[in-house]
Amino acid sequence: MLTELQAHPDARDPEPFAGPDHPIRVLTRAVAFGKEWKPEHAERMSTLFNELAPSWSTDHVDAVKAAPVLDALERGDVPLAGHWLEVGSGTGAGARVLDGQVGSLVCTDLSAGMLRHGPDLAPRAQSDASALPFNADSFDAVLLINMLLFPSEIDRVVRPGGTVLWINTLGDQTPIHLPAVDVLEALPGEWVGTTADAGTGFWLTARRA
């Protein structure tokens, strides 16, 4: 079941950017719905984002990216006092928003370059999200901003009653994009969610039914 809240007053349509045939969009859907994630996939993505990291740290940390996260923290009934994990943390857009807002935070990214350019606001670990280096049921919330979804790993590390916070900052123009309903479908078992538009994107909070 998916509940859609009224859009944030500042919500607006994104500029056209990445359509349904974008290669990363195709990969995002394939990975979420069971295609094997191979070492060559990880190597290509790591190389790409290592190269982008120096400019990404200035070009991709802004109010547009923060807007859906901030709205989700306000209206998404998330565990602010809990233990949080950001997967695909990049150069720290999520960490900057969550800093001082949540009980604790750990950040992971496949790209060492991205992590080097991130802020020193939380412990950071280089990790392939298909095999996260954490025990089962370790986190009260997992944040993914424009990140590939590895459903079984996310399900594994989220505690019973925990929350998955999925953000696409350019809505359906985000290269790494899944609609809210598809995220709920991809996660193992039965999940319920709440979603809303904010900024140029949207957020989804998902919990096991």
C-alpha atoms as a PDB file:
ATOM      1  CA  MET A   1       0.000   0.000   0.000  1.00  0.00           C
ATOM      2  CA  LEU A   2       1.292   3.449  -0.920  1.00  0.00           C
ATOM      3  CA  THR A   3      -0.036   6.690   0.582  1.00  0.00           C
ATOM      4  CA  GLU A   4       0.645   9.865  -1.380  1.00  0.00           C
ATOM      5  CA  LEU A   5       0.783  13.104   0.593  1.00  0.00           C
ATOM      6  CA  GLN A   6       0.129  16.555  -0.811  1.00  0.00           C
ATOM      7  CA  ALA A   7       3.179  17.949  -2.563  1.00  0.00           C
ATOM      8  CA  HIS A   8       5.403  20.348  -0.681  1.00  0.00           C
ATOM      9  CA  PRO A   9       4.524  23.977  -1.553  1.00  0.00           C
ATOM     10  CA  ASP A  10       7.896  24.421  -3.241  1.00  0.00           C
ATOM     11  CA  ALA A  11       7.610  21.268  -5.384  1.00  0.00           C
ATOM     12  CA  ARG A  12       8.149  21.800  -9.102  1.00  0.00           C
ATOM     13  CA  ASP A  13       8.766  19.730 -12.204  1.00  0.00           C
ATOM     14  CA  PRO A  14      12.391  18.906 -13.026  1.00  0.00           C
ATOM     15  CA  GLU A  15      13.957  19.900 -16.309  1.00  0.00           C
ATOM     16  CA  PRO A  16      14.144  17.024 -18.826  1.00  0.00           C
ATOM     17  CA  PHE A  17      17.331  15.092 -18.211  1.00  0.00           C
ATOM     18  CA  ALA A  18      17.275  11.274 -18.264  1.00  0.00           C
ATOM     19  CA  GLY A  19      14.500   9.378 -20.007  1.00  0.00           C
ATOM     20  CA  PRO A  20      13.473   5.728 -19.586  1.00  0.00           C
ATOM     21  CA  ASP A  21      16.120   4.499 -22.048  1.00  0.00           C
ATOM     22  CA  HIS A  22      19.040   6.046 -20.157  1.00  0.00           C
ATOM     23  CA  PRO A  23      21.563   3.206 -19.607  1.00  0.00           C
ATOM     24  CA  ILE A  24      21.860   3.822 -15.871  1.00  0.00           C
ATOM     25  CA  ARG A  25      18.060   3.848 -15.605  1.00  0.00           C
ATOM     26  CA  VAL A  26      17.972   0.462 -17.313  1.00  0.00           C
ATOM     27  CA  LEU A  27      20.639  -0.879 -14.952  1.00  0.00           C
ATOM     28  CA  THR A  28      18.805   0.507 -11.910  1.00  0.00           C
ATOM     29  CA  ARG A  29      15.627  -1.385 -12.755  1.00  0.00           C
ATOM     30  CA  ALA A  30      17.496  -4.559 -13.662  1.00  0.00           C
ATOM     31  CA  VAL A  31      19.409  -4.633 -10.367  1.00  0.00           C
ATOM     32  CA  ALA A  32      16.311  -3.892  -8.290  1.00  0.00           C
ATOM     33  CA  PHE A  33      14.385  -6.721  -9.891  1.00  0.00           C
ATOM     34  CA  GLY A  34      16.959  -9.464  -9.717  1.00  0.00           C
ATOM     35  CA  LYS A  35      19.571  -9.073 -12.447  1.00  0.00           C
ATOM     36  CA  GLU A  36      22.960 -10.276 -11.260  1.00  0.00           C
ATOM     37  CA  TRP A  37      25.277  -7.490 -10.122  1.00  0.00           C
ATOM     38  CA  LYS A  38      28.659  -8.435 -11.536  1.00  0.00           C
ATOM     39  CA  PRO A  39      32.175  -7.243 -10.634  1.00  0.00           C
ATOM     40  CA  GLU A  40      32.427  -5.447 -13.957  1.00  0.00           C
ATOM     41  CA  HIS A  41      29.307  -3.433 -13.095  1.00  0.00           C
ATOM     42  CA  ALA A  42      30.870  -2.334  -9.823  1.00  0.00           C
ATOM     43  CA  GLU A  43      34.165  -1.504 -11.512  1.00  0.00           C
ATOM     44  CA  ARG A  44      32.492   0.655 -14.171  1.00  0.00           C
ATOM     45  CA  MET A  45      30.403   2.552 -11.641  1.00  0.00           C
ATOM     46  CA  SER A  46      33.352   3.055  -9.300  1.00  0.00           C
ATOM     47  CA  THR A  47      35.546   4.388 -12.124  1.00  0.00           C
ATOM     48  CA  LEU A  48      32.785   6.713 -13.349  1.00  0.00           C
ATOM     49  CA  PHE A  49      32.111   8.262  -9.962  1.00  0.00           C
ATOM     50  CA  ASN A  50      35.782   8.473  -8.989  1.00  0.00           C
ATOM     51  CA  GLU A  51      36.260  10.627 -12.096  1.00  0.00           C
ATOM     52  CA  LEU A  52      33.210  12.765 -11.298  1.00  0.00           C
ATOM     53  CA  ALA A  53      34.014  13.228  -7.613  1.00  0.00           C
ATOM     54  CA  PRO A  54      36.027  16.505  -7.710  1.00  0.00           C
ATOM     55  CA  SER A  55      33.309  18.461  -9.507  1.00  0.00           C
ATOM     56  CA  TRP A  56      30.455  16.510  -7.925  1.00  0.00           C
ATOM     57  CA  SER A  57      31.394  17.900  -4.532  1.00  0.00           C
ATOM     58  CA  THR A  58      30.446  21.391  -5.699  1.00  0.00           C
ATOM     59  CA  ASP A  59      27.878  20.753  -8.448  1.00  0.00           C
ATOM     60  CA  HIS A  60      25.683  18.195  -6.687  1.00  0.00           C
ATOM     61  CA  VAL A  61      25.403  19.370  -3.092  1.00  0.00           C
ATOM     62  CA  ASP A  62      22.676  21.976  -3.075  1.00  0.00           C
ATOM     63  CA  ALA A  63      19.213  22.916  -1.865  1.00  0.00           C
ATOM     64  CA  VAL A  64      17.547  21.002  -4.718  1.00  0.00           C
ATOM     65  CA  LYS A  65      19.058  17.746  -3.499  1.00  0.00           C
ATOM     66  CA  ALA A  66      18.279  18.548   0.121  1.00  0.00           C
ATOM     67  CA  ALA A  67      14.602  19.468  -0.407  1.00  0.00           C
ATOM     68  CA  PRO A  68      13.100  15.948  -0.557  1.00  0.00           C
ATOM     69  CA  VAL A  69      15.223  14.781   2.387  1.00  0.00           C
ATOM     70  CA  LEU A  70      14.174  17.731   4.536  1.00  0.00           C
ATOM     71  CA  ASP A  71      10.514  17.210   3.679  1.00  0.00           C
ATOM     72  CA  ALA A  72      10.755  13.495   4.492  1.00  0.00           C
ATOM     73  CA  LEU A  73      12.313  14.277   7.879  1.00  0.00           C
ATOM     74  CA  GLU A  74       9.429  16.618   8.599  1.00  0.00           C
ATOM     75  CA  ARG A  75       6.477  14.620   7.251  1.00  0.00           C
ATOM     76  CA  GLY A  76       7.690  11.056   6.733  1.00  0.00           C
ATOM     77  CA  ASP A  77       7.514   9.821  10.345  1.00  0.00           C
ATOM     78  CA  VAL A  78      11.159   8.720  10.301  1.00  0.00           C
ATOM     79  CA  PRO A  79      13.132   7.603  13.401  1.00  0.00           C
ATOM     80  CA  LEU A  80      15.128  10.775  13.998  1.00  0.00           C
ATOM     81  CA  ALA A  81      16.661   9.462  17.219  1.00  0.00           C
ATOM     82  CA  GLY A  82      17.737   6.208  15.590  1.00  0.00           C
ATOM     83  CA  HIS A  83      20.862   4.736  14.038  1.00  0.00           C
ATOM     84  CA  TRP A  84      21.039   5.699  10.330  1.00  0.00           C
ATOM     85  CA  LEU A  85      22.946   4.374   7.326  1.00  0.00           C
ATOM     86  CA  GLU A  86      23.330   6.297   4.079  1.00  0.00           C
ATOM     87  CA  VAL A  87      24.085   4.011   1.134  1.00  0.00           C
ATOM     88  CA  GLY A  88      25.632   5.723  -1.879  1.00  0.00           C
ATOM     89  CA  SER A  89      26.501   8.768   0.195  1.00  0.00           C
ATOM     90  CA  GLY A  90      28.563  10.407  -2.539  1.00  0.00           C
ATOM     91  CA  THR A  91      30.127  13.700  -1.483  1.00  0.00           C
ATOM     92  CA  GLY A  92      27.858  14.182   1.490  1.00  0.00           C
ATOM     93  CA  ALA A  93      24.544  15.723   0.424  1.00  0.00           C
ATOM     94  CA  GLY A  94      22.646  13.424   2.756  1.00  0.00           C
ATOM     95  CA  ALA A  95      25.141  13.726   5.600  1.00  0.00           C
ATOM     96  CA  ARG A  96      24.871  17.504   5.498  1.00  0.00           C
ATOM     97  CA  VAL A  97      21.088  17.307   5.908  1.00  0.00           C
ATOM     98  CA  LEU A  98      21.114  14.576   8.563  1.00  0.00           C
ATOM     99  CA  ASP A  99      23.922  16.108  10.628  1.00  0.00           C
ATOM    100  CA  GLY A 100      22.478  17.071  14.001  1.00  0.00           C
ATOM    101  CA  GLN A 101      19.057  15.705  13.027  1.00  0.00           C
ATOM    102  CA  VAL A 102      19.473  11.974  13.743  1.00  0.00           C
ATOM    103  CA  GLY A 103      20.874   9.898  16.558  1.00  0.00           C
ATOM    104  CA  SER A 104      23.859   8.562  14.615  1.00  0.00           C
ATOM    105  CA  LEU A 105      24.915   8.132  11.002  1.00  0.00           C
ATOM    106  CA  VAL A 106      27.263   5.920   8.989  1.00  0.00           C
ATOM    107  CA  CYS A 107      27.960   6.674   5.306  1.00  0.00           C
ATOM    108  CA  THR A 108      29.008   4.199   2.622  1.00  0.00           C
ATOM    109  CA  ASP A 109      29.811   4.533  -1.052  1.00  0.00           C
ATOM    110  CA  LEU A 110      31.357   2.343  -3.733  1.00  0.00           C
ATOM    111  CA  SER A 111      33.535   5.255  -4.891  1.00  0.00           C
ATOM    112  CA  ALA A 112      36.586   6.045  -2.793  1.00  0.00           C
ATOM    113  CA  GLY A 113      36.872   9.338  -4.667  1.00  0.00           C
ATOM    114  CA  MET A 114      33.384  10.395  -3.618  1.00  0.00           C
ATOM    115  CA  LEU A 115      34.103   9.550   0.009  1.00  0.00           C
ATOM    116  CA  ARG A 116      37.345  11.556  -0.040  1.00  0.00           C
ATOM    117  CA  HIS A 117      35.430  14.637  -1.140  1.00  0.00           C
ATOM    118  CA  GLY A 118      32.704  14.191   1.478  1.00  0.00           C
ATOM    119  CA  PRO A 119      32.441  16.162   4.726  1.00  0.00           C
ATOM    120  CA  ASP A 120      33.845  14.801   7.965  1.00  0.00           C
ATOM    121  CA  LEU A 121      30.414  14.566   9.579  1.00  0.00           C
ATOM    122  CA  ALA A 122      30.042  10.806  10.052  1.00  0.00           C
ATOM    123  CA  PRO A 123      32.074   7.592   9.826  1.00  0.00           C
ATOM    124  CA  ARG A 124      32.592   6.666   6.170  1.00  0.00           C
ATOM    125  CA  ALA A 125      33.268   3.252   4.644  1.00  0.00           C
ATOM    126  CA  GLN A 126      33.936   2.213   1.070  1.00  0.00           C
ATOM    127  CA  SER A 127      31.538  -0.609   0.281  1.00  0.00           C
ATOM    128  CA  ASP A 128      29.709  -2.301  -2.570  1.00  0.00           C
ATOM    129  CA  ALA A 129      26.048  -1.951  -1.637  1.00  0.00           C
ATOM    130  CA  SER A 130      25.335  -5.463  -2.877  1.00  0.00           C
ATOM    131  CA  ALA A 131      27.278  -6.772   0.157  1.00  0.00           C
ATOM    132  CA  LEU A 132      27.186  -4.233   2.968  1.00  0.00           C
ATOM    133  CA  PRO A 133      29.722  -4.722   5.790  1.00  0.00           C
ATOM    134  CA  PHE A 134      27.145  -4.626   8.583  1.00  0.00           C
ATOM    135  CA  ASN A 135      25.302  -7.193  10.652  1.00  0.00           C
ATOM    136  CA  ALA A 136      21.638  -7.917  10.074  1.00  0.00           C
ATOM    137  CA  ASP A 137      19.165  -5.569  11.756  1.00  0.00           C
ATOM    138  CA  SER A 138      21.838  -2.914  12.369  1.00  0.00           C
ATOM    139  CA  PHE A 139      19.960   0.264  11.458  1.00  0.00           C
ATOM    140  CA  ASP A 140      16.716   2.013  12.268  1.00  0.00           C
ATOM    141  CA  ALA A 141      16.774   3.821   8.919  1.00  0.00           C
ATOM    142  CA  VAL A 142      18.578   3.568   5.598  1.00  0.00           C
ATOM    143  CA  LEU A 143      18.792   6.592   3.287  1.00  0.00           C
ATOM    144  CA  LEU A 144      19.350   6.233  -0.457  1.00  0.00           C
ATOM    145  CA  ILE A 145      19.614   9.408  -2.551  1.00  0.00           C
ATOM    146  CA  ASN A 146      19.751   8.697  -6.298  1.00  0.00           C
ATOM    147  CA  MET A 147      21.209   5.289  -5.481  1.00  0.00           C
ATOM    148  CA  LEU A 148      20.898   1.788  -6.897  1.00  0.00           C
ATOM    149  CA  LEU A 149      18.561  -0.394  -4.856  1.00  0.00           C
ATOM    150  CA  PHE A 150      19.848  -3.794  -3.725  1.00  0.00           C
ATOM    151  CA  PRO A 151      16.622  -4.979  -2.096  1.00  0.00           C
ATOM    152  CA  SER A 152      17.847  -8.015  -0.175  1.00  0.00           C
ATOM    153  CA  GLU A 153      20.767  -6.129   1.389  1.00  0.00           C
ATOM    154  CA  ILE A 154      18.619  -3.173   2.403  1.00  0.00           C
ATOM    155  CA  ASP A 155      16.046  -5.560   3.882  1.00  0.00           C
ATOM    156  CA  ARG A 156      18.815  -7.393   5.748  1.00  0.00           C
ATOM    157  CA  VAL A 157      20.371  -4.395   7.506  1.00  0.00           C
ATOM    158  CA  VAL A 158      17.133  -2.603   8.448  1.00  0.00           C
ATOM    159  CA  ARG A 159      15.784  -3.513  11.872  1.00  0.00           C
ATOM    160  CA  PRO A 160      12.212  -4.791  12.289  1.00  0.00           C
ATOM    161  CA  GLY A 161      10.031  -1.713  12.274  1.00  0.00           C
ATOM    162  CA  GLY A 162      12.795   0.286  10.578  1.00  0.00           C
ATOM    163  CA  THR A 163      12.495   2.696   7.664  1.00  0.00           C
ATOM    164  CA  VAL A 164      13.894   2.862   4.149  1.00  0.00           C
ATOM    165  CA  LEU A 165      14.055   6.446   2.873  1.00  0.00           C
ATOM    166  CA  TRP A 166      14.293   6.539  -0.931  1.00  0.00           C
ATOM    167  CA  ILE A 167      14.992   9.877  -2.656  1.00  0.00           C
ATOM    168  CA  ASN A 168      15.044  10.778  -6.360  1.00  0.00           C
ATOM    169  CA  THR A 169      16.029  14.433  -6.540  1.00  0.00           C
ATOM    170  CA  LEU A 170      14.937  14.891 -10.172  1.00  0.00           C
ATOM    171  CA  GLY A 171      11.847  12.704  -9.984  1.00  0.00           C
ATOM    172  CA  ASP A 172      11.424  10.599 -13.104  1.00  0.00           C
ATOM    173  CA  GLN A 173      14.290  12.494 -14.753  1.00  0.00           C
ATOM    174  CA  THR A 174      16.808  11.057 -12.259  1.00  0.00           C
ATOM    175  CA  PRO A 175      19.198   8.655 -14.021  1.00  0.00           C
ATOM    176  CA  ILE A 176      19.120   6.254 -11.052  1.00  0.00           C
ATOM    177  CA  HIS A 177      15.338   6.239 -10.757  1.00  0.00           C
ATOM    178  CA  LEU A 178      12.630   3.934  -9.513  1.00  0.00           C
ATOM    179  CA  PRO A 179       9.062   5.083  -8.840  1.00  0.00           C
ATOM    180  CA  ALA A 180       7.897   4.707  -5.264  1.00  0.00           C
ATOM    181  CA  VAL A 181       5.557   1.843  -6.093  1.00  0.00           C
ATOM    182  CA  ASP A 182       8.392  -0.109  -7.725  1.00  0.00           C
ATOM    183  CA  VAL A 183      10.617   0.310  -4.673  1.00  0.00           C
ATOM    184  CA  LEU A 184       7.884  -1.230  -2.517  1.00  0.00           C
ATOM    185  CA  GLU A 185       7.487  -4.070  -5.005  1.00  0.00           C
ATOM    186  CA  ALA A 186      11.223  -4.752  -5.215  1.00  0.00           C
ATOM    187  CA  LEU A 187      11.813  -4.994  -1.459  1.00  0.00           C
ATOM    188  CA  PRO A 188      11.387  -8.570  -0.135  1.00  0.00           C
ATOM    189  CA  GLY A 189       8.075  -9.326   1.552  1.00  0.00           C
ATOM    190  CA  GLU A 190       5.238  -6.877   2.092  1.00  0.00           C
ATOM    191  CA  TRP A 191       6.017  -3.182   2.534  1.00  0.00           C
ATOM    192  CA  VAL A 192       3.901  -0.059   2.970  1.00  0.00           C
ATOM    193  CA  GLY A 193       5.004   3.418   2.025  1.00  0.00           C
ATOM    194  CA  THR A 194       4.325   7.128   2.158  1.00  0.00           C
ATOM    195  CA  THR A 195       5.488   9.443  -0.611  1.00  0.00           C
ATOM    196  CA  ALA A 196       5.383  13.096  -1.610  1.00  0.00           C
ATOM    197  CA  ASP A 197       6.913  15.472  -4.126  1.00  0.00           C
ATOM    198  CA  ALA A 198       9.358  18.086  -2.828  1.00  0.00           C
ATOM    199  CA  GLY A 199      11.789  20.335  -4.649  1.00  0.00           C
ATOM    200  CA  THR A 200      12.249  18.834  -8.115  1.00  0.00           C
ATOM    201  CA  GLY A 201      12.048  15.275  -6.781  1.00  0.00           C
ATOM    202  CA  PHE A 202      10.188  12.982  -4.447  1.00  0.00           C
ATOM    203  CA  TRP A 203      10.704  10.943  -1.303  1.00  0.00           C
ATOM    204  CA  LEU A 204       9.398   7.592  -0.144  1.00  0.00           C
ATOM    205  CA  THR A 205       9.425   6.151   3.358  1.00  0.00           C
ATOM    206  CA  ALA A 206       8.952   2.385   3.330  1.00  0.00           C
ATOM    207  CA  ARG A 207       8.306   0.002   6.235  1.00  0.00           C
ATOM    208  CA  ARG A 208       7.558  -3.689   6.421  1.00  0.00           C
ATOM    209  CA  ALA A 209       3.817  -4.302   6.533  1.00  0.00           C
END
